[in-house]
C-alpha atoms as a PDB file:
ATOM      1  CA  UNK A   1      73.591 106.396 114.844  1.00  0.00           C
ATOM      2  CA  UNK A   2      76.704 104.813 116.515  1.00  0.00           C
ATOM      3  CA  UNK A   3      76.059 101.107 117.486  1.00  0.00           C
ATOM      4  CA  UNK A   4      76.638 100.202 121.293  1.00  0.00           C
ATOM      5  CA  UNK A   5      78.339  97.505 122.651  1.00  0.00           C
ATOM      6  CA  UNK A   6      78.744  95.855 125.776  1.00  0.00           C
ATOM      7  CA  UNK A   7      82.488  94.939 125.392  1.00  0.00           C
ATOM      8  CA  UNK A   8      85.218  97.383 125.154  1.00  0.00           C
ATOM      9  CA  UNK A   9      87.282  97.845 122.040  1.00  0.00           C
ATOM     10  CA  UNK A  10      90.344  96.087 123.870  1.00  0.00           C
ATOM     11  CA  UNK A  11      88.203  92.941 124.397  1.00  0.00           C
ATOM     12  CA  UNK A  12      87.009  92.949 120.857  1.00  0.00           C
ATOM     13  CA  UNK A  13      90.486  93.503 119.319  1.00  0.00           C
ATOM     14  CA  UNK A  14      91.849  90.152 121.751  1.00  0.00           C
ATOM     15  CA  UNK A  15      88.862  88.454 120.270  1.00  0.00           C
ATOM     16  CA  UNK A  16      89.678  89.272 116.481  1.00  0.00           C
ATOM     17  CA  UNK A  17      93.070  88.211 117.047  1.00  0.00           C
ATOM     18  CA  UNK A  18      92.721  85.243 119.177  1.00  0.00           C
ATOM     19  CA  UNK A  19      89.871  83.662 116.665  1.00  0.00           C
ATOM     20  CA  UNK A  20      91.871  84.624 113.493  1.00  0.00           C
ATOM     21  CA  UNK A  21      95.283  84.440 112.189  1.00  0.00           C
ATOM     22  CA  UNK A  22      96.991  86.905 109.957  1.00  0.00           C
ATOM     23  CA  UNK A  23      97.928  86.139 106.499  1.00  0.00           C
ATOM     24  CA  UNK A  24      97.897  87.501 102.843  1.00  0.00           C
ATOM     25  CA  UNK A  25      94.638  87.777 101.042  1.00  0.00           C
ATOM     26  CA  UNK A  26      93.786  85.618  98.299  1.00  0.00           C
ATOM     27  CA  UNK A  27      93.865  87.397  95.213  1.00  0.00           C
ATOM     28  CA  UNK A  28      94.996  90.529  96.819  1.00  0.00           C
ATOM     29  CA  UNK A  29      98.177  89.024  98.404  1.00  0.00           C
ATOM     30  CA  UNK A  30      99.712  93.007  98.713  1.00  0.00           C
ATOM     31  CA  UNK A  31      97.294  92.983 101.820  1.00  0.00           C
ATOM     32  CA  UNK A  32      97.446  90.917 104.828  1.00  0.00           C
ATOM     33  CA  UNK A  33      94.149  90.602 107.323  1.00  0.00           C
ATOM     34  CA  UNK A  34      93.348  88.697 110.233  1.00  0.00           C
ATOM     35  CA  UNK A  35      91.128  85.798 108.499  1.00  0.00           C
ATOM     36  CA  UNK A  36      89.288  82.648 109.973  1.00  0.00           C
ATOM     37  CA  UNK A  37      89.992  79.588 108.483  1.00  0.00           C
ATOM     38  CA  UNK A  38      86.192  78.148 109.205  1.00  0.00           C
ATOM     39  CA  UNK A  39      83.013  79.902 109.543  1.00  0.00           C
ATOM     40  CA  UNK A  40      81.101  77.553 111.876  1.00  0.00           C
ATOM     41  CA  UNK A  41      83.400  77.345 115.003  1.00  0.00           C
ATOM     42  CA  UNK A  42      83.693  81.339 114.832  1.00  0.00           C
ATOM     43  CA  UNK A  43      80.230  81.955 114.459  1.00  0.00           C
ATOM     44  CA  UNK A  44      79.333  79.868 117.521  1.00  0.00           C
ATOM     45  CA  UNK A  45      82.288  81.695 119.710  1.00  0.00           C
ATOM     46  CA  UNK A  46      80.880  84.996 118.777  1.00  0.00           C
ATOM     47  CA  UNK A  47      77.203  84.075 119.840  1.00  0.00           C
ATOM     48  CA  UNK A  48      78.834  82.443 123.153  1.00  0.00           C
ATOM     49  CA  UNK A  49      81.383  85.121 124.125  1.00  0.00           C
ATOM     50  CA  UNK A  50      80.118  88.364 122.766  1.00  0.00           C
ATOM     51  CA  UNK A  51      76.324  88.367 123.240  1.00  0.00           C
ATOM     52  CA  UNK A  52      74.252  91.662 122.362  1.00  0.00           C
ATOM     53  CA  UNK A  53      74.656  91.648 118.260  1.00  0.00           C
ATOM     54  CA  UNK A  54      74.478  89.544 115.315  1.00  0.00           C
ATOM     55  CA  UNK A  55      77.063  87.266 115.714  1.00  0.00           C
ATOM     56  CA  UNK A  56      77.807  86.726 112.021  1.00  0.00           C
ATOM     57  CA  UNK A  57      81.254  87.119 111.755  1.00  0.00           C
ATOM     58  CA  UNK A  58      81.152  88.798 108.091  1.00  0.00           C
ATOM     59  CA  UNK A  59      84.407  90.444 109.127  1.00  0.00           C
ATOM     60  CA  UNK A  60      86.720  87.589 109.505  1.00  0.00           C
ATOM     61  CA  UNK A  61      86.413  86.478 105.664  1.00  0.00           C
ATOM     62  CA  UNK A  62      87.639  88.147 102.359  1.00  0.00           C
ATOM     63  CA  UNK A  63      84.112  87.855 100.355  1.00  0.00           C
ATOM     64  CA  UNK A  64      84.266  87.590  96.431  1.00  0.00           C
ATOM     65  CA  UNK A  65      82.999  91.211  95.855  1.00  0.00           C
ATOM     66  CA  UNK A  66      85.636  92.599  98.213  1.00  0.00           C
ATOM     67  CA  UNK A  67      88.157  90.687  96.602  1.00  0.00           C
ATOM     68  CA  UNK A  68      87.425  91.570  93.044  1.00  0.00           C
ATOM     69  CA  UNK A  69      87.053  95.341  94.082  1.00  0.00           C
ATOM     70  CA  UNK A  70      90.137  95.469  96.041  1.00  0.00           C
ATOM     71  CA  UNK A  71      92.141  93.922  93.081  1.00  0.00           C
ATOM     72  CA  UNK A  72      90.647  96.304  90.524  1.00  0.00           C
ATOM     73  CA  UNK A  73      91.527  99.791  92.809  1.00  0.00           C
ATOM     74  CA  UNK A  74      95.226  98.405  93.222  1.00  0.00           C
ATOM     75  CA  UNK A  75      95.570  97.720  89.385  1.00  0.00           C
ATOM     76  CA  UNK A  76      93.655 100.801  88.599  1.00  0.00           C
ATOM     77  CA  UNK A  77      94.914 103.313  91.421  1.00  0.00           C
ATOM     78  CA  UNK A  78      93.840 106.306  89.138  1.00  0.00           C
ATOM     79  CA  UNK A  79      90.299 105.586  90.757  1.00  0.00           C
ATOM     80  CA  UNK A  80      91.160 106.538  94.124  1.00  0.00           C
ATOM     81  CA  UNK A  81      94.409 108.173  93.829  1.00  0.00           C
ATOM     82  CA  UNK A  82      94.208 111.474  95.869  1.00  0.00           C
ATOM     83  CA  UNK A  83      90.573 110.913  96.314  1.00  0.00           C
ATOM     84  CA  UNK A  84      88.496 110.329  99.671  1.00  0.00           C
ATOM     85  CA  UNK A  85      87.144 107.186  99.985  1.00  0.00           C
ATOM     86  CA  UNK A  86      84.251 105.802 101.946  1.00  0.00           C
ATOM     87  CA  UNK A  87      84.048 102.215 102.604  1.00  0.00           C
ATOM     88  CA  UNK A  88      80.566 100.923 103.115  1.00  0.00           C
ATOM     89  CA  UNK A  89      79.757  97.888 105.064  1.00  0.00           C
ATOM     90  CA  UNK A  90      83.523  97.177 105.245  1.00  0.00           C
ATOM     91  CA  UNK A  91      83.569  94.005 107.481  1.00  0.00           C
ATOM     92  CA  UNK A  92      87.590  93.507 107.560  1.00  0.00           C
ATOM     93  CA  UNK A  93      88.317  97.212 106.125  1.00  0.00           C
ATOM     94  CA  UNK A  94      90.082  95.595 103.070  1.00  0.00           C
ATOM     95  CA  UNK A  95      88.791  98.072 100.624  1.00  0.00           C
ATOM     96  CA  UNK A  96      89.778 100.985 102.907  1.00  0.00           C
ATOM     97  CA  UNK A  97      93.261  99.530 103.066  1.00  0.00           C
ATOM     98  CA  UNK A  98      93.310  98.965  99.257  1.00  0.00           C
ATOM     99  CA  UNK A  99      92.108 102.452  98.649  1.00  0.00           C
ATOM    100  CA  UNK A 100      94.713 103.725 100.693  1.00  0.00           C
ATOM    101  CA  UNK A 101      97.450 101.514  99.360  1.00  0.00           C
ATOM    102  CA  UNK A 102      96.081 102.769  96.099  1.00  0.00           C
ATOM    103  CA  UNK A 103      97.078 106.176  96.810  1.00  0.00           C
ATOM    104  CA  UNK A 104      93.807 107.474  98.410  1.00  0.00           C
ATOM    105  CA  UNK A 105      94.406 110.903 100.921  1.00  0.00           C
ATOM    106  CA  UNK A 106      91.764 109.431 103.221  1.00  0.00           C
ATOM    107  CA  UNK A 107      89.596 106.075 103.862  1.00  0.00           C
ATOM    108  CA  UNK A 108      86.977 105.871 106.029  1.00  0.00           C
ATOM    109  CA  UNK A 109      85.226 102.252 106.946  1.00  0.00           C
ATOM    110  CA  UNK A 110      82.085 102.082 108.092  1.00  0.00           C
ATOM    111  CA  UNK A 111      80.039  99.214 109.524  1.00  0.00           C
ATOM    112  CA  UNK A 112      77.215  98.634 112.040  1.00  0.00           C
ATOM    113  CA  UNK A 113      79.070  95.708 113.782  1.00  0.00           C
ATOM    114  CA  UNK A 114      81.186  96.752 116.971  1.00  0.00           C
ATOM    115  CA  UNK A 115      83.367  93.237 115.858  1.00  0.00           C
ATOM    116  CA  UNK A 116      83.899  94.645 112.783  1.00  0.00           C
ATOM    117  CA  UNK A 117      85.312  97.914 113.962  1.00  0.00           C
ATOM    118  CA  UNK A 118      87.794  95.656 115.883  1.00  0.00           C
ATOM    119  CA  UNK A 119      88.578  93.708 112.593  1.00  0.00           C
ATOM    120  CA  UNK A 120      89.159  97.088 110.750  1.00  0.00           C
ATOM    121  CA  UNK A 121      91.405  98.639 113.457  1.00  0.00           C
ATOM    122  CA  UNK A 122      93.455  95.592 113.839  1.00  0.00           C
ATOM    123  CA  UNK A 123      93.833  94.935 110.005  1.00  0.00           C
ATOM    124  CA  UNK A 124      94.761  98.603 109.540  1.00  0.00           C
ATOM    125  CA  UNK A 125      97.484  98.285 112.083  1.00  0.00           C
ATOM    126  CA  UNK A 126      98.751  94.950 110.321  1.00  0.00           C
ATOM    127  CA  UNK A 127      98.963  96.790 107.011  1.00  0.00           C
ATOM    128  CA  UNK A 128     100.466 100.148 108.458  1.00  0.00           C
ATOM    129  CA  UNK A 129      97.424 101.991 107.067  1.00  0.00           C
ATOM    130  CA  UNK A 130      95.756 105.042 108.490  1.00  0.00           C
ATOM    131  CA  UNK A 131      91.970 103.756 108.067  1.00  0.00           C
ATOM    132  CA  UNK A 132      89.445 105.704 110.270  1.00  0.00           C
ATOM    133  CA  UNK A 133      86.409 103.930 111.398  1.00  0.00           C
ATOM    134  CA  UNK A 134      82.713 105.235 111.465  1.00  0.00           C
ATOM    135  CA  UNK A 135      80.030 103.311 113.541  1.00  0.00           C
ATOM    136  CA  UNK A 136      76.814 103.004 112.519  1.00  0.00           C
ATOM    137  CA  UNK A 137      74.157 102.922 109.154  1.00  0.00           C
ATOM    138  CA  UNK A 138      75.076 105.773 106.555  1.00  0.00           C
ATOM    139  CA  UNK A 139      72.522 105.156 104.482  1.00  0.00           C
ATOM    140  CA  UNK A 140      70.840 108.355 103.348  1.00  0.00           C
ATOM    141  CA  UNK A 141      73.976 110.522 104.657  1.00  0.00           C
ATOM    142  CA  UNK A 142      75.018 112.767 101.153  1.00  0.00           C
ATOM    143  CA  UNK A 143      78.642 112.264 102.520  1.00  0.00           C
ATOM    144  CA  UNK A 144      80.046 115.745 102.337  1.00  0.00           C
ATOM    145  CA  UNK A 145      83.658 115.624 101.700  1.00  0.00           C
ATOM    146  CA  UNK A 146      83.845 112.096  99.746  1.00  0.00           C
ATOM    147  CA  UNK A 147      84.910 111.400  96.095  1.00  0.00           C
ATOM    148  CA  UNK A 148      84.431 107.546  96.075  1.00  0.00           C
ATOM    149  CA  UNK A 149      82.086 105.210  97.666  1.00  0.00           C
ATOM    150  CA  UNK A 150      83.292 101.621  97.984  1.00  0.00           C
ATOM    151  CA  UNK A 151      80.863  98.337  98.606  1.00  0.00           C
ATOM    152  CA  UNK A 152      81.912  95.017  98.531  1.00  0.00           C
ATOM    153  CA  UNK A 153      79.101  92.192  98.318  1.00  0.00           C
ATOM    154  CA  UNK A 154      76.330  93.999 100.021  1.00  0.00           C
ATOM    155  CA  UNK A 155      73.504  92.434  97.513  1.00  0.00           C
ATOM    156  CA  UNK A 156      72.576  89.582  99.675  1.00  0.00           C
ATOM    157  CA  UNK A 157      69.702  90.809 101.368  1.00  0.00           C
ATOM    158  CA  UNK A 158      66.803  92.770  99.602  1.00  0.00           C
ATOM    159  CA  UNK A 159      65.940  95.789 102.139  1.00  0.00           C
ATOM    160  CA  UNK A 160      69.847  96.232 102.009  1.00  0.00           C
ATOM    161  CA  UNK A 161      70.430  96.228  98.500  1.00  0.00           C
ATOM    162  CA  UNK A 162      67.363  98.318  97.737  1.00  0.00           C
ATOM    163  CA  UNK A 163      68.229 100.815  99.981  1.00  0.00           C
ATOM    164  CA  UNK A 164      71.927 100.809  99.435  1.00  0.00           C
ATOM    165  CA  UNK A 165      71.312 101.180  95.600  1.00  0.00           C
ATOM    166  CA  UNK A 166      69.220 104.223  95.820  1.00  0.00           C
ATOM    167  CA  UNK A 167      71.484 105.824  98.174  1.00  0.00           C
ATOM    168  CA  UNK A 168      74.318 105.169  95.751  1.00  0.00           C
ATOM    169  CA  UNK A 169      72.631 106.329  92.688  1.00  0.00           C
ATOM    170  CA  UNK A 170      71.930 109.617  94.767  1.00  0.00           C
ATOM    171  CA  UNK A 171      75.315 109.729  95.720  1.00  0.00           C
ATOM    172  CA  UNK A 172      76.373 109.090  91.841  1.00  0.00           C
ATOM    173  CA  UNK A 173      74.062 111.893  90.960  1.00  0.00           C
ATOM    174  CA  UNK A 174      76.231 114.242  93.016  1.00  0.00           C
ATOM    175  CA  UNK A 175      79.503 113.323  91.315  1.00  0.00           C
ATOM    176  CA  UNK A 176      80.596 110.672  93.901  1.00  0.00           C
ATOM    177  CA  UNK A 177      82.195 107.551  92.161  1.00  0.00           C
ATOM    178  CA  UNK A 178      80.402 104.799  93.446  1.00  0.00           C
ATOM    179  CA  UNK A 179      81.760 101.137  92.734  1.00  0.00           C
ATOM    180  CA  UNK A 180      80.379  97.544  93.905  1.00  0.00           C
ATOM    181  CA  UNK A 181      82.003  94.354  93.902  1.00  0.00           C
ATOM    182  CA  UNK A 182      78.794  92.028  92.868  1.00  0.00           C
ATOM    183  CA  UNK A 183      79.532  88.001  92.630  1.00  0.00           C
ATOM    184  CA  UNK A 184      75.804  87.861  91.154  1.00  0.00           C
ATOM    185  CA  UNK A 185      74.284  87.836  94.643  1.00  0.00           C
ATOM    186  CA  UNK A 186      70.181  87.219  94.754  1.00  0.00           C
ATOM    187  CA  UNK A 187      69.746  90.903  94.852  1.00  0.00           C
ATOM    188  CA  UNK A 188      72.134  91.942  92.611  1.00  0.00           C
ATOM    189  CA  UNK A 189      70.806  95.225  90.467  1.00  0.00           C
ATOM    190  CA  UNK A 190      69.384  94.536  87.094  1.00  0.00           C
ATOM    191  CA  UNK A 191      70.487  98.024  85.763  1.00  0.00           C
ATOM    192  CA  UNK A 192      71.389 101.499  86.476  1.00  0.00           C
ATOM    193  CA  UNK A 193      75.047 100.418  86.443  1.00  0.00           C
ATOM    194  CA  UNK A 194      78.319 100.473  84.096  1.00  0.00           C
ATOM    195  CA  UNK A 195      80.255  97.098  84.569  1.00  0.00           C
ATOM    196  CA  UNK A 196      84.031  97.956  84.754  1.00  0.00           C
ATOM    197  CA  UNK A 197      85.774  94.569  85.109  1.00  0.00           C
ATOM    198  CA  UNK A 198      85.011  91.162  85.705  1.00  0.00           C
ATOM    199  CA  UNK A 199      87.111  88.462  87.865  1.00  0.00           C
ATOM    200  CA  UNK A 200      87.337  84.941  88.982  1.00  0.00           C
ATOM    201  CA  UNK A 201      88.038  85.485  92.434  1.00  0.00           C
ATOM    202  CA  UNK A 202      88.902  82.353  94.706  1.00  0.00           C
ATOM    203  CA  UNK A 203      86.100  81.523  97.669  1.00  0.00           C
ATOM    204  CA  UNK A 204      85.961  79.401 100.687  1.00  0.00           C
ATOM    205  CA  UNK A 205      84.240  76.488 100.004  1.00  0.00           C
ATOM    206  CA  UNK A 206      82.316  76.717 103.338  1.00  0.00           C
ATOM    207  CA  UNK A 207      81.110  80.159 102.384  1.00  0.00           C
ATOM    208  CA  UNK A 208      80.032  79.570  98.805  1.00  0.00           C
ATOM    209  CA  UNK A 209      79.725  75.896  97.713  1.00  0.00           C
ATOM    210  CA  UNK A 210      82.261  76.480  95.498  1.00  0.00           C
ATOM    211  CA  UNK A 211      85.988  77.433  94.974  1.00  0.00           C
ATOM    212  CA  UNK A 212      85.854  80.464  92.908  1.00  0.00           C
ATOM    213  CA  UNK A 213      83.100  82.566  91.494  1.00  0.00           C
ATOM    214  CA  UNK A 214      82.950  85.171  88.842  1.00  0.00           C
ATOM    215  CA  UNK A 215      82.595  88.675  90.282  1.00  0.00           C
ATOM    216  CA  UNK A 216      81.937  92.014  88.577  1.00  0.00           C
ATOM    217  CA  UNK A 217      82.944  95.434  89.379  1.00  0.00           C
ATOM    218  CA  UNK A 218      80.153  97.961  88.863  1.00  0.00           C
ATOM    219  CA  UNK A 219      80.089 101.551  88.681  1.00  0.00           C
ATOM    220  CA  UNK A 220      76.438 102.731  89.970  1.00  0.00           C
ATOM    221  CA  UNK A 221      75.212 105.239  87.510  1.00  0.00           C
ATOM    222  CA  UNK A 222      72.930 108.428  88.591  1.00  0.00           C
ATOM    223  CA  UNK A 223      70.058 106.743  87.043  1.00  0.00           C
ATOM    224  CA  UNK A 224      67.543 104.879  89.390  1.00  0.00           C
ATOM    225  CA  UNK A 225      69.371 101.549  89.956  1.00  0.00           C
ATOM    226  CA  UNK A 226      67.020  98.508  89.937  1.00  0.00           C
ATOM    227  CA  UNK A 227      67.016  95.301  92.300  1.00  0.00           C
ATOM    228  CA  UNK A 228      65.961  92.046  90.740  1.00  0.00           C
END
């Protein structure tokens, strides 16, 4: 289901570019994104100027899970080279861009936030990456035509973690490679995965109350995954 927005895409694009600045991504300097320096002022601006949806600006930051997974893709391009990739709950589009940079033949970034669409389009243009955008919630979709599903930092809320993990396991059972970046959020899976790598990634202190986090790259297995 597509998410409606009272604000046309050009207005959302202007908001993204005016409220952030383009610069290389920490830990993944091969990619640049429009990023915010601080959370609170942007949150307030989103709520005041762009009513109609959750103003939490997840799209304006490179979160720990996405950083670890993007680094892993660039260091191991064979995971996505020649593949068709779906970036779930994309936020900024970082993983879709990283997948294309690593050799994917197609990358679709999906999110429910209309501002994420603007961020993805702005960031894709910034990096010269042909990222496609899909609006809405894809959970439960069998995603025909995709070989790899990427998820960066989605285990922070119990209903989302539960539904996403069940969906990931179902996709894995159909032969899709499902990779998730996980900095140990409250509802991280307790089973049903293989840990492929672990990184110490830099974080914004305002977001994480720390300057770095140990973050894993998980491969979700066809067996039922478990949420703590």
